Amino acid sequence: AIAFKDLLAAAAAGIYLIFLQPYTI
């Protein structure tokens, strides 16, 4: 619950960054 809280938060943020692309490579 503690460890995967950050992991799930990172995944949710990653989905946002990949689809909306506020920055790119």
mmCIF file of all heavy atoms, coordinates in Angstrom:
data_MODEL
# 
_entry.id   MODEL 
# 
loop_
_atom_site.group_PDB 
_atom_site.id 
_atom_site.type_symbol 
_atom_site.label_atom_id 
_atom_site.label_alt_id 
_atom_site.label_comp_id 
_atom_site.label_asym_id 
_atom_site.label_entity_id 
_atom_site.label_seq_id 
_atom_site.pdbx_PDB_ins_code 
_atom_site.Cartn_x 
_atom_site.Cartn_y 
_atom_site.Cartn_z 
_atom_site.occupancy 
_atom_site.B_iso_or_equiv 
_atom_site.pdbx_formal_charge 
_atom_site.auth_seq_id 
_atom_site.auth_comp_id 
_atom_site.auth_asym_id 
_atom_site.auth_atom_id 
_atom_site.pdbx_PDB_model_num 
ATOM 1   N N   . ALA A 1 1  ? 0.826  -1.212 0.000   1.00 0.00 ? 1  ALA A N   1 
ATOM 2   C CA  . ALA A 1 1  ? 0.000  0.000  0.000   1.00 0.00 ? 1  ALA A CA  1 
ATOM 3   C C   . ALA A 1 1  ? 0.855  1.254  0.000   1.00 0.00 ? 1  ALA A C   1 
ATOM 4   O O   . ALA A 1 1  ? 0.526  2.254  -0.639  1.00 0.00 ? 1  ALA A O   1 
ATOM 5   C CB  . ALA A 1 1  ? -0.917 -0.011 1.215   1.00 0.00 ? 1  ALA A CB  1 
ATOM 6   N N   . ILE A 1 2  ? 1.996  1.183  0.718   1.00 0.00 ? 2  ILE A N   1 
ATOM 7   C CA  . ILE A 1 2  ? 2.885  2.352  0.782   1.00 0.00 ? 2  ILE A CA  1 
ATOM 8   C C   . ILE A 1 2  ? 3.710  2.482  -0.491  1.00 0.00 ? 2  ILE A C   1 
ATOM 9   O O   . ILE A 1 2  ? 3.803  3.553  -1.103  1.00 0.00 ? 2  ILE A O   1 
ATOM 10  C CB  . ILE A 1 2  ? 3.807  2.251  2.008   1.00 0.00 ? 2  ILE A CB  1 
ATOM 11  C CG1 . ILE A 1 2  ? 2.969  2.292  3.287   1.00 0.00 ? 2  ILE A CG1 1 
ATOM 12  C CG2 . ILE A 1 2  ? 4.835  3.372  2.004   1.00 0.00 ? 2  ILE A CG2 1 
ATOM 13  C CD1 . ILE A 1 2  ? 3.766  2.053  4.555   1.00 0.00 ? 2  ILE A CD1 1 
ATOM 14  N N   . ALA A 1 3  ? 4.321  1.337  -0.904  1.00 0.00 ? 3  ALA A N   1 
ATOM 15  C CA  . ALA A 1 3  ? 5.228  1.383  -2.049  1.00 0.00 ? 3  ALA A CA  1 
ATOM 16  C C   . ALA A 1 3  ? 4.492  1.633  -3.356  1.00 0.00 ? 3  ALA A C   1 
ATOM 17  O O   . ALA A 1 3  ? 4.909  2.469  -4.176  1.00 0.00 ? 3  ALA A O   1 
ATOM 18  C CB  . ALA A 1 3  ? 6.015  0.072  -2.132  1.00 0.00 ? 3  ALA A CB  1 
ATOM 19  N N   . PHE A 1 4  ? 3.396  0.940  -3.551  1.00 0.00 ? 4  PHE A N   1 
ATOM 20  C CA  . PHE A 1 4  ? 2.703  1.047  -4.828  1.00 0.00 ? 4  PHE A CA  1 
ATOM 21  C C   . PHE A 1 4  ? 1.851  2.301  -4.938  1.00 0.00 ? 4  PHE A C   1 
ATOM 22  O O   . PHE A 1 4  ? 1.349  2.609  -6.009  1.00 0.00 ? 4  PHE A O   1 
ATOM 23  C CB  . PHE A 1 4  ? 1.856  -0.203 -5.071  1.00 0.00 ? 4  PHE A CB  1 
ATOM 24  C CG  . PHE A 1 4  ? 2.668  -1.404 -5.431  1.00 0.00 ? 4  PHE A CG  1 
ATOM 25  C CD1 . PHE A 1 4  ? 2.989  -2.346 -4.470  1.00 0.00 ? 4  PHE A CD1 1 
ATOM 26  C CD2 . PHE A 1 4  ? 3.151  -1.576 -6.722  1.00 0.00 ? 4  PHE A CD2 1 
ATOM 27  C CE1 . PHE A 1 4  ? 3.752  -3.450 -4.802  1.00 0.00 ? 4  PHE A CE1 1 
ATOM 28  C CE2 . PHE A 1 4  ? 3.912  -2.668 -7.052  1.00 0.00 ? 4  PHE A CE2 1 
ATOM 29  C CZ  . PHE A 1 4  ? 4.222  -3.617 -6.094  1.00 0.00 ? 4  PHE A CZ  1 
ATOM 30  N N   . LYS A 1 5  ? 1.711  3.006  -3.825  1.00 0.00 ? 5  LYS A N   1 
ATOM 31  C CA  . LYS A 1 5  ? 1.033  4.305  -3.905  1.00 0.00 ? 5  LYS A CA  1 
ATOM 32  C C   . LYS A 1 5  ? 1.811  5.233  -4.838  1.00 0.00 ? 5  LYS A C   1 
ATOM 33  O O   . LYS A 1 5  ? 1.241  5.844  -5.744  1.00 0.00 ? 5  LYS A O   1 
ATOM 34  C CB  . LYS A 1 5  ? 0.933  4.923  -2.510  1.00 0.00 ? 5  LYS A CB  1 
ATOM 35  C CG  . LYS A 1 5  ? 0.361  6.332  -2.502  1.00 0.00 ? 5  LYS A CG  1 
ATOM 36  C CD  . LYS A 1 5  ? 0.204  6.818  -1.082  1.00 0.00 ? 5  LYS A CD  1 
ATOM 37  C CE  . LYS A 1 5  ? 1.572  7.008  -0.419  1.00 0.00 ? 5  LYS A CE  1 
ATOM 38  N NZ  . LYS A 1 5  ? 2.363  8.101  -1.040  1.00 0.00 ? 5  LYS A NZ  1 
ATOM 39  N N   . ASP A 1 6  ? 3.135  5.283  -4.637  1.00 0.00 ? 6  ASP A N   1 
ATOM 40  C CA  . ASP A 1 6  ? 3.969  6.100  -5.520  1.00 0.00 ? 6  ASP A CA  1 
ATOM 41  C C   . ASP A 1 6  ? 4.037  5.502  -6.923  1.00 0.00 ? 6  ASP A C   1 
ATOM 42  O O   . ASP A 1 6  ? 4.064  6.233  -7.919  1.00 0.00 ? 6  ASP A O   1 
ATOM 43  C CB  . ASP A 1 6  ? 5.384  6.223  -4.949  1.00 0.00 ? 6  ASP A CB  1 
ATOM 44  C CG  . ASP A 1 6  ? 5.427  7.094  -3.705  1.00 0.00 ? 6  ASP A CG  1 
ATOM 45  O OD1 . ASP A 1 6  ? 4.480  7.878  -3.512  1.00 0.00 ? 6  ASP A OD1 1 
ATOM 46  O OD2 . ASP A 1 6  ? 6.398  6.984  -2.938  1.00 0.00 ? 6  ASP A OD2 1 
ATOM 47  N N   . LEU A 1 7  ? 4.054  4.158  -7.002  1.00 0.00 ? 7  LEU A N   1 
ATOM 48  C CA  . LEU A 1 7  ? 4.128  3.516  -8.311  1.00 0.00 ? 7  LEU A CA  1 
ATOM 49  C C   . LEU A 1 7  ? 2.878  3.803  -9.130  1.00 0.00 ? 7  LEU A C   1 
ATOM 50  O O   . LEU A 1 7  ? 2.959  4.138  -10.327 1.00 0.00 ? 7  LEU A O   1 
ATOM 51  C CB  . LEU A 1 7  ? 4.306  2.003  -8.132  1.00 0.00 ? 7  LEU A CB  1 
ATOM 52  C CG  . LEU A 1 7  ? 4.620  1.188  -9.390  1.00 0.00 ? 7  LEU A CG  1 
ATOM 53  C CD1 . LEU A 1 7  ? 5.955  1.613  -9.974  1.00 0.00 ? 7  LEU A CD1 1 
ATOM 54  C CD2 . LEU A 1 7  ? 4.629  -0.298 -9.069  1.00 0.00 ? 7  LEU A CD2 1 
ATOM 55  N N   . LEU A 1 8  ? 1.714  3.705  -8.497  1.00 0.00 ? 8  LEU A N   1 
ATOM 56  C CA  . LEU A 1 8  ? 0.463  3.983  -9.200  1.00 0.00 ? 8  LEU A CA  1 
ATOM 57  C C   . LEU A 1 8  ? 0.351  5.467  -9.548  1.00 0.00 ? 8  LEU A C   1 
ATOM 58  O O   . LEU A 1 8  ? -0.147 5.826  -10.628 1.00 0.00 ? 8  LEU A O   1 
ATOM 59  C CB  . LEU A 1 8  ? -0.725 3.553  -8.342  1.00 0.00 ? 8  LEU A CB  1 
ATOM 60  C CG  . LEU A 1 8  ? -0.874 2.040  -8.116  1.00 0.00 ? 8  LEU A CG  1 
ATOM 61  C CD1 . LEU A 1 8  ? -2.001 1.751  -7.147  1.00 0.00 ? 8  LEU A CD1 1 
ATOM 62  C CD2 . LEU A 1 8  ? -1.099 1.327  -9.435  1.00 0.00 ? 8  LEU A CD2 1 
ATOM 63  N N   . ALA A 1 9  ? 0.842  6.309  -8.627  1.00 0.00 ? 9  ALA A N   1 
ATOM 64  C CA  . ALA A 1 9  ? 0.835  7.742  -8.918  1.00 0.00 ? 9  ALA A CA  1 
ATOM 65  C C   . ALA A 1 9  ? 1.734  8.057  -10.105 1.00 0.00 ? 9  ALA A C   1 
ATOM 66  O O   . ALA A 1 9  ? 1.386  8.867  -10.973 1.00 0.00 ? 9  ALA A O   1 
ATOM 67  C CB  . ALA A 1 9  ? 1.276  8.521  -7.684  1.00 0.00 ? 9  ALA A CB  1 
ATOM 68  N N   . ALA A 1 10 ? 2.902  7.386  -10.160 1.00 0.00 ? 10 ALA A N   1 
ATOM 69  C CA  . ALA A 1 10 ? 3.813  7.594  -11.283 1.00 0.00 ? 10 ALA A CA  1 
ATOM 70  C C   . ALA A 1 10 ? 3.190  7.115  -12.587 1.00 0.00 ? 10 ALA A C   1 
ATOM 71  O O   . ALA A 1 10 ? 3.337  7.755  -13.639 1.00 0.00 ? 10 ALA A O   1 
ATOM 72  C CB  . ALA A 1 10 ? 5.139  6.864  -11.024 1.00 0.00 ? 10 ALA A CB  1 
ATOM 73  N N   . ALA A 1 11 ? 2.479  5.974  -12.545 1.00 0.00 ? 11 ALA A N   1 
ATOM 74  C CA  . ALA A 1 11 ? 1.839  5.452  -13.743 1.00 0.00 ? 11 ALA A CA  1 
ATOM 75  C C   . ALA A 1 11 ? 0.733  6.378  -14.229 1.00 0.00 ? 11 ALA A C   1 
ATOM 76  O O   . ALA A 1 11 ? 0.601  6.639  -15.441 1.00 0.00 ? 11 ALA A O   1 
ATOM 77  C CB  . ALA A 1 11 ? 1.275  4.055  -13.474 1.00 0.00 ? 11 ALA A CB  1 
ATOM 78  N N   . ALA A 1 12 ? -0.070 6.894  -13.291 1.00 0.00 ? 12 ALA A N   1 
ATOM 79  C CA  . ALA A 1 12 ? -1.148 7.819  -13.678 1.00 0.00 ? 12 ALA A CA  1 
ATOM 80  C C   . ALA A 1 12 ? -0.570 9.087  -14.308 1.00 0.00 ? 12 ALA A C   1 
ATOM 81  O O   . ALA A 1 12 ? -1.070 9.579  -15.340 1.00 0.00 ? 12 ALA A O   1 
ATOM 82  C CB  . ALA A 1 12 ? -1.988 8.168  -12.462 1.00 0.00 ? 12 ALA A CB  1 
ATOM 83  N N   . ALA A 1 13 ? 0.504  9.612  -13.696 1.00 0.00 ? 13 ALA A N   1 
ATOM 84  C CA  . ALA A 1 13 ? 1.151  10.798 -14.261 1.00 0.00 ? 13 ALA A CA  1 
ATOM 85  C C   . ALA A 1 13 ? 1.775  10.483 -15.611 1.00 0.00 ? 13 ALA A C   1 
ATOM 86  O O   . ALA A 1 13 ? 1.744  11.311 -16.538 1.00 0.00 ? 13 ALA A O   1 
ATOM 87  C CB  . ALA A 1 13 ? 2.213  11.319 -13.292 1.00 0.00 ? 13 ALA A CB  1 
ATOM 88  N N   . GLY A 1 14 ? 2.331  9.257  -15.744 1.00 0.00 ? 14 GLY A N   1 
ATOM 89  C CA  . GLY A 1 14 ? 2.945  8.861  -17.016 1.00 0.00 ? 14 GLY A CA  1 
ATOM 90  C C   . GLY A 1 14 ? 1.933  8.809  -18.142 1.00 0.00 ? 14 GLY A C   1 
ATOM 91  O O   . GLY A 1 14 ? 2.235  9.201  -19.282 1.00 0.00 ? 14 GLY A O   1 
ATOM 92  N N   . ILE A 1 15 ? 0.734  8.305  -17.851 1.00 0.00 ? 15 ILE A N   1 
ATOM 93  C CA  . ILE A 1 15 ? -0.327 8.263  -18.865 1.00 0.00 ? 15 ILE A CA  1 
ATOM 94  C C   . ILE A 1 15 ? -0.655 9.681  -19.340 1.00 0.00 ? 15 ILE A C   1 
ATOM 95  O O   . ILE A 1 15 ? -0.799 9.945  -20.541 1.00 0.00 ? 15 ILE A O   1 
ATOM 96  C CB  . ILE A 1 15 ? -1.577 7.558  -18.305 1.00 0.00 ? 15 ILE A CB  1 
ATOM 97  C CG1 . ILE A 1 15 ? -1.273 6.071  -18.053 1.00 0.00 ? 15 ILE A CG1 1 
ATOM 98  C CG2 . ILE A 1 15 ? -2.754 7.703  -19.267 1.00 0.00 ? 15 ILE A CG2 1 
ATOM 99  C CD1 . ILE A 1 15 ? -2.384 5.330  -17.349 1.00 0.00 ? 15 ILE A CD1 1 
ATOM 100 N N   . TYR A 1 16 ? -0.752 10.597 -18.390 1.00 0.00 ? 16 TYR A N   1 
ATOM 101 C CA  . TYR A 1 16 ? -1.041 11.998 -18.736 1.00 0.00 ? 16 TYR A CA  1 
ATOM 102 C C   . TYR A 1 16 ? 0.073  12.574 -19.612 1.00 0.00 ? 16 TYR A C   1 
ATOM 103 O O   . TYR A 1 16 ? -0.192 13.207 -20.651 1.00 0.00 ? 16 TYR A O   1 
ATOM 104 C CB  . TYR A 1 16 ? -1.179 12.811 -17.447 1.00 0.00 ? 16 TYR A CB  1 
ATOM 105 C CG  . TYR A 1 16 ? -1.265 14.300 -17.686 1.00 0.00 ? 16 TYR A CG  1 
ATOM 106 C CD1 . TYR A 1 16 ? -2.478 14.906 -18.005 1.00 0.00 ? 16 TYR A CD1 1 
ATOM 107 C CD2 . TYR A 1 16 ? -0.126 15.092 -17.585 1.00 0.00 ? 16 TYR A CD2 1 
ATOM 108 C CE1 . TYR A 1 16 ? -2.554 16.271 -18.224 1.00 0.00 ? 16 TYR A CE1 1 
ATOM 109 C CE2 . TYR A 1 16 ? -0.194 16.464 -17.802 1.00 0.00 ? 16 TYR A CE2 1 
ATOM 110 C CZ  . TYR A 1 16 ? -1.404 17.048 -18.128 1.00 0.00 ? 16 TYR A CZ  1 
ATOM 111 O OH  . TYR A 1 16 ? -1.473 18.396 -18.345 1.00 0.00 ? 16 TYR A OH  1 
ATOM 112 N N   . LEU A 1 17 ? 1.334  12.333 -19.223 1.00 0.00 ? 17 LEU A N   1 
ATOM 113 C CA  . LEU A 1 17 ? 2.466  12.906 -19.959 1.00 0.00 ? 17 LEU A CA  1 
ATOM 114 C C   . LEU A 1 17 ? 2.597  12.306 -21.355 1.00 0.00 ? 17 LEU A C   1 
ATOM 115 O O   . LEU A 1 17 ? 2.928  13.005 -22.324 1.00 0.00 ? 17 LEU A O   1 
ATOM 116 C CB  . LEU A 1 17 ? 3.761  12.680 -19.175 1.00 0.00 ? 17 LEU A CB  1 
ATOM 117 C CG  . LEU A 1 17 ? 3.872  13.406 -17.829 1.00 0.00 ? 17 LEU A CG  1 
ATOM 118 C CD1 . LEU A 1 17 ? 5.139  12.982 -17.102 1.00 0.00 ? 17 LEU A CD1 1 
ATOM 119 C CD2 . LEU A 1 17 ? 3.848  14.919 -18.035 1.00 0.00 ? 17 LEU A CD2 1 
ATOM 120 N N   . ILE A 1 18 ? 2.318  11.010 -21.483 1.00 0.00 ? 18 ILE A N   1 
ATOM 121 C CA  . ILE A 1 18 ? 2.463  10.339 -22.785 1.00 0.00 ? 18 ILE A CA  1 
ATOM 122 C C   . ILE A 1 18 ? 1.371  10.796 -23.758 1.00 0.00 ? 18 ILE A C   1 
ATOM 123 O O   . ILE A 1 18 ? 1.640  11.043 -24.938 1.00 0.00 ? 18 ILE A O   1 
ATOM 124 C CB  . ILE A 1 18 ? 2.439  8.806  -22.600 1.00 0.00 ? 18 ILE A CB  1 
ATOM 125 C CG1 . ILE A 1 18 ? 3.721  8.343  -21.887 1.00 0.00 ? 18 ILE A CG1 1 
ATOM 126 C CG2 . ILE A 1 18 ? 2.289  8.099  -23.942 1.00 0.00 ? 18 ILE A CG2 1 
ATOM 127 C CD1 . ILE A 1 18 ? 3.718  6.885  -21.486 1.00 0.00 ? 18 ILE A CD1 1 
ATOM 128 N N   . PHE A 1 19 ? 0.150  10.936 -23.259 1.00 0.00 ? 19 PHE A N   1 
ATOM 129 C CA  . PHE A 1 19 ? -0.949 11.284 -24.166 1.00 0.00 ? 19 PHE A CA  1 
ATOM 130 C C   . PHE A 1 19 ? -1.023 12.789 -24.451 1.00 0.00 ? 19 PHE A C   1 
ATOM 131 O O   . PHE A 1 19 ? -1.256 13.194 -25.584 1.00 0.00 ? 19 PHE A O   1 
ATOM 132 C CB  . PHE A 1 19 ? -2.282 10.801 -23.581 1.00 0.00 ? 19 PHE A CB  1 
ATOM 133 C CG  . PHE A 1 19 ? -2.524 9.332  -23.799 1.00 0.00 ? 19 PHE A CG  1 
ATOM 134 C CD1 . PHE A 1 19 ? -2.203 8.411  -22.819 1.00 0.00 ? 19 PHE A CD1 1 
ATOM 135 C CD2 . PHE A 1 19 ? -3.050 8.867  -24.992 1.00 0.00 ? 19 PHE A CD2 1 
ATOM 136 C CE1 . PHE A 1 19 ? -2.412 7.054  -23.023 1.00 0.00 ? 19 PHE A CE1 1 
ATOM 137 C CE2 . PHE A 1 19 ? -3.261 7.522  -25.203 1.00 0.00 ? 19 PHE A CE2 1 
ATOM 138 C CZ  . PHE A 1 19 ? -2.936 6.605  -24.213 1.00 0.00 ? 19 PHE A CZ  1 
ATOM 139 N N   . LEU A 1 20 ? -0.807 13.621 -23.446 1.00 0.00 ? 20 LEU A N   1 
ATOM 140 C CA  . LEU A 1 20 ? -0.918 15.068 -23.662 1.00 0.00 ? 20 LEU A CA  1 
ATOM 141 C C   . LEU A 1 20 ? 0.395  15.705 -24.092 1.00 0.00 ? 20 LEU A C   1 
ATOM 142 O O   . LEU A 1 20 ? 0.393  16.796 -24.665 1.00 0.00 ? 20 LEU A O   1 
ATOM 143 C CB  . LEU A 1 20 ? -1.444 15.746 -22.395 1.00 0.00 ? 20 LEU A CB  1 
ATOM 144 C CG  . LEU A 1 20 ? -2.857 15.337 -21.974 1.00 0.00 ? 20 LEU A CG  1 
ATOM 145 C CD1 . LEU A 1 20 ? -3.315 16.152 -20.772 1.00 0.00 ? 20 LEU A CD1 1 
ATOM 146 C CD2 . LEU A 1 20 ? -3.851 15.504 -23.117 1.00 0.00 ? 20 LEU A CD2 1 
ATOM 147 N N   . GLN A 1 21 ? 1.499  15.040 -23.795 1.00 0.00 ? 21 GLN A N   1 
ATOM 148 C CA  . GLN A 1 21 ? 2.831  15.475 -24.241 1.00 0.00 ? 21 GLN A CA  1 
ATOM 149 C C   . GLN A 1 21 ? 3.103  16.963 -23.970 1.00 0.00 ? 21 GLN A C   1 
ATOM 150 O O   . GLN A 1 21 ? 3.291  17.759 -24.910 1.00 0.00 ? 21 GLN A O   1 
ATOM 151 C CB  . GLN A 1 21 ? 3.014  15.179 -25.731 1.00 0.00 ? 21 GLN A CB  1 
ATOM 152 C CG  . GLN A 1 21 ? 3.009  13.703 -26.048 1.00 0.00 ? 21 GLN A CG  1 
ATOM 153 C CD  . GLN A 1 21 ? 3.314  13.414 -27.519 1.00 0.00 ? 21 GLN A CD  1 
ATOM 154 O OE1 . GLN A 1 21 ? 3.283  14.306 -28.364 1.00 0.00 ? 21 GLN A OE1 1 
ATOM 155 N NE2 . GLN A 1 21 ? 3.624  12.178 -27.809 1.00 0.00 ? 21 GLN A NE2 1 
ATOM 156 N N   . PRO A 1 22 ? 3.146  17.376 -22.708 1.00 0.00 ? 22 PRO A N   1 
ATOM 157 C CA  . PRO A 1 22 ? 3.551  18.755 -22.410 1.00 0.00 ? 22 PRO A CA  1 
ATOM 158 C C   . PRO A 1 22 ? 4.999  19.009 -22.789 1.00 0.00 ? 22 PRO A C   1 
ATOM 159 O O   . PRO A 1 22 ? 5.416  20.151 -22.933 1.00 0.00 ? 22 PRO A O   1 
ATOM 160 C CB  . PRO A 1 22 ? 3.324  18.867 -20.899 1.00 0.00 ? 22 PRO A CB  1 
ATOM 161 C CG  . PRO A 1 22 ? 3.407  17.460 -20.398 1.00 0.00 ? 22 PRO A CG  1 
ATOM 162 C CD  . PRO A 1 22 ? 2.835  16.607 -21.489 1.00 0.00 ? 22 PRO A CD  1 
ATOM 163 N N   . TYR A 1 23 ? 5.778  17.947 -22.908 1.00 0.00 ? 23 TYR A N   1 
ATOM 164 C CA  . TYR A 1 23 ? 7.140  18.037 -23.444 1.00 0.00 ? 23 TYR A CA  1 
ATOM 165 C C   . TYR A 1 23 ? 7.424  16.734 -24.182 1.00 0.00 ? 23 TYR A C   1 
ATOM 166 O O   . TYR A 1 23 ? 6.797  15.696 -23.928 1.00 0.00 ? 23 TYR A O   1 
ATOM 167 C CB  . TYR A 1 23 ? 8.176  18.278 -22.337 1.00 0.00 ? 23 TYR A CB  1 
ATOM 168 C CG  . TYR A 1 23 ? 8.114  17.266 -21.204 1.00 0.00 ? 23 TYR A CG  1 
ATOM 169 C CD1 . TYR A 1 23 ? 8.733  16.024 -21.303 1.00 0.00 ? 23 TYR A CD1 1 
ATOM 170 C CD2 . TYR A 1 23 ? 7.429  17.576 -20.024 1.00 0.00 ? 23 TYR A CD2 1 
ATOM 171 C CE1 . TYR A 1 23 ? 8.682  15.113 -20.268 1.00 0.00 ? 23 TYR A CE1 1 
ATOM 172 C CE2 . TYR A 1 23 ? 7.377  16.664 -18.980 1.00 0.00 ? 23 TYR A CE2 1 
ATOM 173 C CZ  . TYR A 1 23 ? 8.006  15.443 -19.113 1.00 0.00 ? 23 TYR A CZ  1 
ATOM 174 O OH  . TYR A 1 23 ? 7.946  14.537 -18.084 1.00 0.00 ? 23 TYR A OH  1 
ATOM 175 N N   . THR A 1 24 ? 8.362  16.776 -25.118 1.00 0.00 ? 24 THR A N   1 
ATOM 176 C CA  . THR A 1 24 ? 8.709  15.607 -25.921 1.00 0.00 ? 24 THR A CA  1 
ATOM 177 C C   . THR A 1 24 ? 10.221 15.425 -25.917 1.00 0.00 ? 24 THR A C   1 
ATOM 178 O O   . THR A 1 24 ? 10.969 16.250 -25.385 1.00 0.00 ? 24 THR A O   1 
ATOM 179 C CB  . THR A 1 24 ? 8.214  15.757 -27.371 1.00 0.00 ? 24 THR A CB  1 
ATOM 180 O OG1 . THR A 1 24 ? 8.824  16.926 -27.947 1.00 0.00 ? 24 THR A OG1 1 
ATOM 181 C CG2 . THR A 1 24 ? 6.710  15.878 -27.429 1.00 0.00 ? 24 THR A CG2 1 
ATOM 182 N N   . ILE A 1 25 ? 10.652 14.336 -26.505 1.00 0.00 ? 25 ILE A N   1 
ATOM 183 C CA  . ILE A 1 25 ? 12.087 14.041 -26.586 1.00 0.00 ? 25 ILE A CA  1 
ATOM 184 C C   . ILE A 1 25 ? 12.791 15.164 -27.340 1.00 0.00 ? 25 ILE A C   1 
ATOM 185 O O   . ILE A 1 25 ? 12.358 15.587 -28.411 1.00 0.00 ? 25 ILE A O   1 
ATOM 186 C CB  . ILE A 1 25 ? 12.315 12.690 -27.279 1.00 0.00 ? 25 ILE A CB  1 
ATOM 187 C CG1 . ILE A 1 25 ? 11.729 11.556 -26.425 1.00 0.00 ? 25 ILE A CG1 1 
ATOM 188 C CG2 . ILE A 1 25 ? 13.804 12.439 -27.521 1.00 0.00 ? 25 ILE A CG2 1 
ATOM 189 C CD1 . ILE A 1 25 ? 11.781 10.204 -27.069 1.00 0.00 ? 25 ILE A CD1 1 
# 
